[in-house]
Amino acid sequence: MEPVTSLDQYRRTAARRSRAVGRPSLYFDLASPYTYLAAERADRMFPGLEWIPASLDALQCATRIADDERATINRRAALLGLPIVWPIGPAPRPDGAMRVAALAGERGVGAAFVLAASRLVYCGGFDLDEPEILAEAAAAAGIDLGEMLHAAGDWRRDGPIEDAGRKLLAAGADRLPALRVGRILFCGEDRLSEAFAARASA
């Protein structure tokens, strides 16, 4: 009986498809719980995904989560089978964490850092603004304490993060995370499956 397909042929086809579509990019802000809801699935669905920090403020999106939206997020987390623990009190802007996320992306360990950081906040209820908590997330991505501290305090990293948000806004994005597959931008964690299907059919 003839084989339905060969593994070598499948890999060659997948490689051609990947080159044609290009590397997918996930734009995120660690201030958003939707980043947490998306990160686990995005990492599994899109191997080699580029993780790009982008400012919700530059995108003109609110960063404060109202009580009714928390209830919606809780239901969404339950649907996805993800635990969620909200930090106590209003969370400060994680500017230092976003700067470290930019460093992690440059090092090719963006996924490891974002996964660790978002789990600490929304699985553990920790505050990423605390240096020891940020150090835990950095260590999970193989970034040492000195590098983490330097990146967290480097305000020059804020410009590219804000620029990424402004470019997304100009491209029609209305929320984060946003996933770019080829020339198409999929906004919102609830559109990951749609993005995956678009990439598979490209």
C-alpha atoms as a PDB file:
ATOM      1  CA  MET A   1       0.000   0.000   0.000  1.00  0.00           C
ATOM      2  CA  GLU A   2       1.326   3.418  -0.966  1.00  0.00           C
ATOM      3  CA  PRO A   3       1.970   5.806   1.969  1.00  0.00           C
ATOM      4  CA  VAL A   4      -0.492   8.689   2.193  1.00  0.00           C
ATOM      5  CA  THR A   5       2.382  11.122   2.590  1.00  0.00           C
ATOM      6  CA  SER A   6       6.010  11.094   3.606  1.00  0.00           C
ATOM      7  CA  LEU A   7       7.480  12.927   6.555  1.00  0.00           C
ATOM      8  CA  ASP A   8      10.220  14.423   4.372  1.00  0.00           C
ATOM      9  CA  GLN A   9       7.669  15.755   1.892  1.00  0.00           C
ATOM     10  CA  TYR A  10       5.567  17.164   4.719  1.00  0.00           C
ATOM     11  CA  ARG A  11       8.591  18.960   6.194  1.00  0.00           C
ATOM     12  CA  ARG A  12       9.581  20.410   2.825  1.00  0.00           C
ATOM     13  CA  THR A  13       6.048  21.692   2.270  1.00  0.00           C
ATOM     14  CA  ALA A  14       5.892  23.157   5.786  1.00  0.00           C
ATOM     15  CA  ALA A  15       9.259  24.870   5.299  1.00  0.00           C
ATOM     16  CA  ARG A  16       8.116  26.442   2.004  1.00  0.00           C
ATOM     17  CA  ARG A  17       4.888  27.618   3.634  1.00  0.00           C
ATOM     18  CA  SER A  18       6.827  29.139   6.533  1.00  0.00           C
ATOM     19  CA  ARG A  19       9.143  31.024   4.192  1.00  0.00           C
ATOM     20  CA  ALA A  20       6.197  32.292   2.138  1.00  0.00           C
ATOM     21  CA  VAL A  21       4.208  33.557   5.122  1.00  0.00           C
ATOM     22  CA  GLY A  22       7.171  34.752   7.186  1.00  0.00           C
ATOM     23  CA  ARG A  23       7.696  34.554  10.897  1.00  0.00           C
ATOM     24  CA  PRO A  24       4.542  35.355  12.880  1.00  0.00           C
ATOM     25  CA  SER A  25       4.759  38.088  15.521  1.00  0.00           C
ATOM     26  CA  LEU A  26       2.832  38.478  18.770  1.00  0.00           C
ATOM     27  CA  TYR A  27       2.474  42.008  20.128  1.00  0.00           C
ATOM     28  CA  PHE A  28       1.671  42.116  23.829  1.00  0.00           C
ATOM     29  CA  ASP A  29       1.554  44.247  26.966  1.00  0.00           C
ATOM     30  CA  LEU A  30       2.239  42.544  30.297  1.00  0.00           C
ATOM     31  CA  ALA A  31      -0.266  44.901  31.928  1.00  0.00           C
ATOM     32  CA  SER A  32      -3.053  43.027  30.158  1.00  0.00           C
ATOM     33  CA  PRO A  33      -4.473  39.750  31.501  1.00  0.00           C
ATOM     34  CA  TYR A  34      -5.301  38.886  27.903  1.00  0.00           C
ATOM     35  CA  THR A  35      -1.571  38.408  27.345  1.00  0.00           C
ATOM     36  CA  TYR A  36      -1.686  35.669  29.972  1.00  0.00           C
ATOM     37  CA  LEU A  37      -4.721  34.065  28.322  1.00  0.00           C
ATOM     38  CA  ALA A  38      -2.975  34.059  24.940  1.00  0.00           C
ATOM     39  CA  ALA A  39       0.631  33.252  25.828  1.00  0.00           C
ATOM     40  CA  GLU A  40       0.304  29.548  26.599  1.00  0.00           C
ATOM     41  CA  ARG A  41      -1.595  28.770  23.393  1.00  0.00           C
ATOM     42  CA  ALA A  42       0.419  31.090  21.166  1.00  0.00           C
ATOM     43  CA  ASP A  43       3.673  29.435  22.222  1.00  0.00           C
ATOM     44  CA  ARG A  44       2.321  25.991  21.311  1.00  0.00           C
ATOM     45  CA  MET A  45       0.521  26.997  18.124  1.00  0.00           C
ATOM     46  CA  PHE A  46       3.269  29.118  16.550  1.00  0.00           C
ATOM     47  CA  PRO A  47       6.767  27.663  16.989  1.00  0.00           C
ATOM     48  CA  GLY A  48       9.403  30.332  16.440  1.00  0.00           C
ATOM     49  CA  LEU A  49       6.944  33.113  17.242  1.00  0.00           C
ATOM     50  CA  GLU A  50       8.465  36.584  17.601  1.00  0.00           C
ATOM     51  CA  TRP A  51       7.408  38.218  20.892  1.00  0.00           C
ATOM     52  CA  ILE A  52       7.222  42.030  20.653  1.00  0.00           C
ATOM     53  CA  PRO A  53       6.284  44.262  23.614  1.00  0.00           C
ATOM     54  CA  ALA A  54       3.866  47.019  22.603  1.00  0.00           C
ATOM     55  CA  SER A  55       2.313  49.741  24.732  1.00  0.00           C
ATOM     56  CA  LEU A  56      -1.416  49.625  25.423  1.00  0.00           C
ATOM     57  CA  ASP A  57      -1.194  53.345  26.227  1.00  0.00           C
ATOM     58  CA  ALA A  58       0.212  54.114  22.755  1.00  0.00           C
ATOM     59  CA  LEU A  59      -2.552  51.946  21.298  1.00  0.00           C
ATOM     60  CA  GLN A  60      -5.013  54.153  23.239  1.00  0.00           C
ATOM     61  CA  CYS A  61      -6.397  51.172  25.173  1.00  0.00           C
ATOM     62  CA  ALA A  62      -7.333  51.292  28.844  1.00  0.00           C
ATOM     63  CA  THR A  63      -5.001  49.379  31.143  1.00  0.00           C
ATOM     64  CA  ARG A  64      -7.279  49.404  34.197  1.00  0.00           C
ATOM     65  CA  ILE A  65      -9.612  46.382  34.333  1.00  0.00           C
ATOM     66  CA  ALA A  66     -13.130  47.101  35.629  1.00  0.00           C
ATOM     67  CA  ASP A  67     -14.956  44.594  37.841  1.00  0.00           C
ATOM     68  CA  ASP A  68     -17.371  43.525  35.114  1.00  0.00           C
ATOM     69  CA  GLU A  69     -14.474  42.881  32.739  1.00  0.00           C
ATOM     70  CA  ARG A  70     -12.757  40.817  35.438  1.00  0.00           C
ATOM     71  CA  ALA A  71     -15.814  38.601  35.529  1.00  0.00           C
ATOM     72  CA  THR A  72     -15.628  38.170  31.756  1.00  0.00           C
ATOM     73  CA  ILE A  73     -11.919  37.330  31.965  1.00  0.00           C
ATOM     74  CA  ASN A  74     -12.584  34.831  34.751  1.00  0.00           C
ATOM     75  CA  ARG A  75     -15.139  33.066  32.563  1.00  0.00           C
ATOM     76  CA  ARG A  76     -12.767  33.068  29.602  1.00  0.00           C
ATOM     77  CA  ALA A  77      -9.944  31.634  31.739  1.00  0.00           C
ATOM     78  CA  ALA A  78     -12.263  28.878  32.987  1.00  0.00           C
ATOM     79  CA  LEU A  79     -13.255  28.069  29.409  1.00  0.00           C
ATOM     80  CA  LEU A  80      -9.574  27.782  28.459  1.00  0.00           C
ATOM     81  CA  GLY A  81      -8.804  25.690  31.544  1.00  0.00           C
ATOM     82  CA  LEU A  82      -6.431  28.305  32.953  1.00  0.00           C
ATOM     83  CA  PRO A  83      -6.239  29.276  36.630  1.00  0.00           C
ATOM     84  CA  ILE A  84      -6.443  32.965  37.394  1.00  0.00           C
ATOM     85  CA  VAL A  85      -5.493  34.821  40.584  1.00  0.00           C
ATOM     86  CA  TRP A  86      -5.838  38.601  40.500  1.00  0.00           C
ATOM     87  CA  PRO A  87      -3.156  40.761  42.146  1.00  0.00           C
ATOM     88  CA  ILE A  88      -4.363  42.671  45.199  1.00  0.00           C
ATOM     89  CA  GLY A  89      -5.134  46.296  44.449  1.00  0.00           C
ATOM     90  CA  PRO A  90      -4.537  48.156  41.182  1.00  0.00           C
ATOM     91  CA  ALA A  91      -1.397  46.870  39.493  1.00  0.00           C
ATOM     92  CA  PRO A  92       1.193  49.509  38.557  1.00  0.00           C
ATOM     93  CA  ARG A  93       2.359  49.811  34.965  1.00  0.00           C
ATOM     94  CA  PRO A  94       5.019  47.092  34.489  1.00  0.00           C
ATOM     95  CA  ASP A  95       7.440  49.381  32.680  1.00  0.00           C
ATOM     96  CA  GLY A  96      10.515  47.576  33.991  1.00  0.00           C
ATOM     97  CA  ALA A  97       9.077  44.199  33.021  1.00  0.00           C
ATOM     98  CA  MET A  98       8.277  45.440  29.519  1.00  0.00           C
ATOM     99  CA  ARG A  99      11.865  46.604  29.112  1.00  0.00           C
ATOM    100  CA  VAL A 100      13.114  43.184  30.199  1.00  0.00           C
ATOM    101  CA  ALA A 101      10.625  41.611  27.776  1.00  0.00           C
ATOM    102  CA  ALA A 102      12.257  43.611  24.982  1.00  0.00           C
ATOM    103  CA  LEU A 103      15.653  42.240  26.017  1.00  0.00           C
ATOM    104  CA  ALA A 104      14.227  38.715  26.154  1.00  0.00           C
ATOM    105  CA  GLY A 105      12.874  39.138  22.628  1.00  0.00           C
ATOM    106  CA  GLU A 106      16.285  40.241  21.400  1.00  0.00           C
ATOM    107  CA  ARG A 107      17.836  37.154  22.975  1.00  0.00           C
ATOM    108  CA  GLY A 108      15.276  34.809  21.436  1.00  0.00           C
ATOM    109  CA  VAL A 109      13.790  33.905  24.828  1.00  0.00           C
ATOM    110  CA  GLY A 110      10.698  36.098  24.660  1.00  0.00           C
ATOM    111  CA  ALA A 111       8.329  33.155  25.084  1.00  0.00           C
ATOM    112  CA  ALA A 112      10.022  31.907  28.244  1.00  0.00           C
ATOM    113  CA  PHE A 113       9.998  35.355  29.823  1.00  0.00           C
ATOM    114  CA  VAL A 114       6.406  36.259  28.918  1.00  0.00           C
ATOM    115  CA  LEU A 115       5.099  32.872  30.059  1.00  0.00           C
ATOM    116  CA  ALA A 116       6.914  33.134  33.391  1.00  0.00           C
ATOM    117  CA  ALA A 117       5.961  36.780  33.959  1.00  0.00           C
ATOM    118  CA  SER A 118       2.284  36.345  33.113  1.00  0.00           C
ATOM    119  CA  ARG A 119       2.030  33.204  35.246  1.00  0.00           C
ATOM    120  CA  LEU A 120       3.549  35.004  38.224  1.00  0.00           C
ATOM    121  CA  VAL A 121       1.007  37.814  37.915  1.00  0.00           C
ATOM    122  CA  TYR A 122      -2.164  35.947  36.965  1.00  0.00           C
ATOM    123  CA  CYS A 123      -1.522  32.510  38.463  1.00  0.00           C
ATOM    124  CA  GLY A 124       0.218  33.726  41.614  1.00  0.00           C
ATOM    125  CA  GLY A 125      -1.152  37.233  42.098  1.00  0.00           C
ATOM    126  CA  PHE A 126       2.368  38.677  42.335  1.00  0.00           C
ATOM    127  CA  ASP A 127       3.408  42.210  41.405  1.00  0.00           C
ATOM    128  CA  LEU A 128       5.885  42.382  38.507  1.00  0.00           C
ATOM    129  CA  ASP A 129       6.977  45.791  39.766  1.00  0.00           C
ATOM    130  CA  GLU A 130       8.759  44.020  42.649  1.00  0.00           C
ATOM    131  CA  PRO A 131      12.419  43.369  41.703  1.00  0.00           C
ATOM    132  CA  GLU A 132      12.504  39.877  43.201  1.00  0.00           C
ATOM    133  CA  ILE A 133       9.403  38.826  41.235  1.00  0.00           C
ATOM    134  CA  LEU A 134      10.809  40.265  38.026  1.00  0.00           C
ATOM    135  CA  ALA A 135      14.080  38.460  38.741  1.00  0.00           C
ATOM    136  CA  GLU A 136      12.180  35.153  38.916  1.00  0.00           C
ATOM    137  CA  ALA A 137      10.664  35.715  35.475  1.00  0.00           C
ATOM    138  CA  ALA A 138      14.030  36.751  34.044  1.00  0.00           C
ATOM    139  CA  ALA A 139      15.750  33.693  35.516  1.00  0.00           C
ATOM    140  CA  ALA A 140      13.169  31.444  33.829  1.00  0.00           C
ATOM    141  CA  ALA A 141      14.312  32.927  30.512  1.00  0.00           C
ATOM    142  CA  GLY A 142      18.017  32.552  31.346  1.00  0.00           C
ATOM    143  CA  ILE A 143      18.571  36.271  31.936  1.00  0.00           C
ATOM    144  CA  ASP A 144      20.841  36.916  34.899  1.00  0.00           C
ATOM    145  CA  LEU A 145      20.151  39.404  37.655  1.00  0.00           C
ATOM    146  CA  GLY A 146      22.615  42.054  36.476  1.00  0.00           C
ATOM    147  CA  GLU A 147      21.255  42.058  32.939  1.00  0.00           C
ATOM    148  CA  MET A 148      17.711  42.158  34.249  1.00  0.00           C
ATOM    149  CA  LEU A 149      18.370  45.122  36.513  1.00  0.00           C
ATOM    150  CA  HIS A 150      20.134  47.026  33.741  1.00  0.00           C
ATOM    151  CA  ALA A 151      17.354  46.405  31.211  1.00  0.00           C
ATOM    152  CA  ALA A 152      14.575  47.190  33.721  1.00  0.00           C
ATOM    153  CA  GLY A 153      16.065  50.623  34.394  1.00  0.00           C
ATOM    154  CA  ASP A 154      16.901  51.448  30.772  1.00  0.00           C
ATOM    155  CA  TRP A 155      14.254  54.041  29.835  1.00  0.00           C
ATOM    156  CA  ARG A 156      15.635  54.141  26.274  1.00  0.00           C
ATOM    157  CA  ARG A 157      13.781  50.886  25.652  1.00  0.00           C
ATOM    158  CA  ASP A 158      10.448  52.677  26.161  1.00  0.00           C
ATOM    159  CA  GLY A 159      10.586  54.381  22.753  1.00  0.00           C
ATOM    160  CA  PRO A 160      10.472  51.206  20.615  1.00  0.00           C
ATOM    161  CA  ILE A 161       7.727  49.755  22.852  1.00  0.00           C
ATOM    162  CA  GLU A 162       5.600  52.879  22.385  1.00  0.00           C
ATOM    163  CA  ASP A 163       6.389  52.936  18.658  1.00  0.00           C
ATOM    164  CA  ALA A 164       5.161  49.361  18.327  1.00  0.00           C
ATOM    165  CA  GLY A 165       1.842  50.386  19.878  1.00  0.00           C
ATOM    166  CA  ARG A 166       1.500  53.411  17.603  1.00  0.00           C
ATOM    167  CA  LYS A 167       2.236  51.324  14.497  1.00  0.00           C
ATOM    168  CA  LEU A 168      -0.393  48.805  15.521  1.00  0.00           C
ATOM    169  CA  LEU A 169      -2.898  51.622  16.014  1.00  0.00           C
ATOM    170  CA  ALA A 170      -2.102  52.948  12.549  1.00  0.00           C
ATOM    171  CA  ALA A 171      -2.604  49.428  11.167  1.00  0.00           C
ATOM    172  CA  GLY A 172      -6.104  49.305  12.656  1.00  0.00           C
ATOM    173  CA  ALA A 173      -5.425  47.373  15.867  1.00  0.00           C
ATOM    174  CA  ASP A 174      -7.885  48.059  18.671  1.00  0.00           C
ATOM    175  CA  ARG A 175      -6.606  45.717  21.391  1.00  0.00           C
ATOM    176  CA  LEU A 176      -3.778  43.482  22.527  1.00  0.00           C
ATOM    177  CA  PRO A 177      -2.440  40.925  22.162  1.00  0.00           C
ATOM    178  CA  ALA A 178      -2.272  41.174  18.390  1.00  0.00           C
ATOM    179  CA  LEU A 179      -0.836  38.497  16.158  1.00  0.00           C
ATOM    180  CA  ARG A 180       0.593  39.303  12.737  1.00  0.00           C
ATOM    181  CA  VAL A 181       0.613  36.449  10.242  1.00  0.00           C
ATOM    182  CA  GLY A 182       2.026  37.590   6.933  1.00  0.00           C
ATOM    183  CA  ARG A 183       0.233  40.851   6.183  1.00  0.00           C
ATOM    184  CA  ILE A 184      -2.827  40.082   8.298  1.00  0.00           C
ATOM    185  CA  LEU A 185      -3.231  41.362  11.856  1.00  0.00           C
ATOM    186  CA  PHE A 186      -5.446  39.403  14.252  1.00  0.00           C
ATOM    187  CA  CYS A 187      -6.362  41.427  17.351  1.00  0.00           C
ATOM    188  CA  GLY A 188      -7.422  39.759  20.589  1.00  0.00           C
ATOM    189  CA  GLU A 189      -6.544  36.470  22.256  1.00  0.00           C
ATOM    190  CA  ASP A 190      -9.833  35.015  21.037  1.00  0.00           C
ATOM    191  CA  ARG A 191      -8.557  35.173  17.437  1.00  0.00           C
ATOM    192  CA  LEU A 192      -5.547  32.882  17.876  1.00  0.00           C
ATOM    193  CA  SER A 193      -7.321  29.922  16.292  1.00  0.00           C
ATOM    194  CA  GLU A 194      -8.327  32.066  13.334  1.00  0.00           C
ATOM    195  CA  ALA A 195      -4.716  33.186  12.931  1.00  0.00           C
ATOM    196  CA  PHE A 196      -3.523  29.593  13.136  1.00  0.00           C
ATOM    197  CA  ALA A 197      -5.957  28.523  10.425  1.00  0.00           C
ATOM    198  CA  ALA A 198      -4.847  31.414   8.202  1.00  0.00           C
ATOM    199  CA  ARG A 199      -1.219  30.411   8.584  1.00  0.00           C
ATOM    200  CA  ALA A 200      -1.974  26.734   7.900  1.00  0.00           C
ATOM    201  CA  SER A 201      -3.854  27.568   4.712  1.00  0.00           C
ATOM    202  CA  ALA A 202      -1.260  30.028   3.393  1.00  0.00           C
END
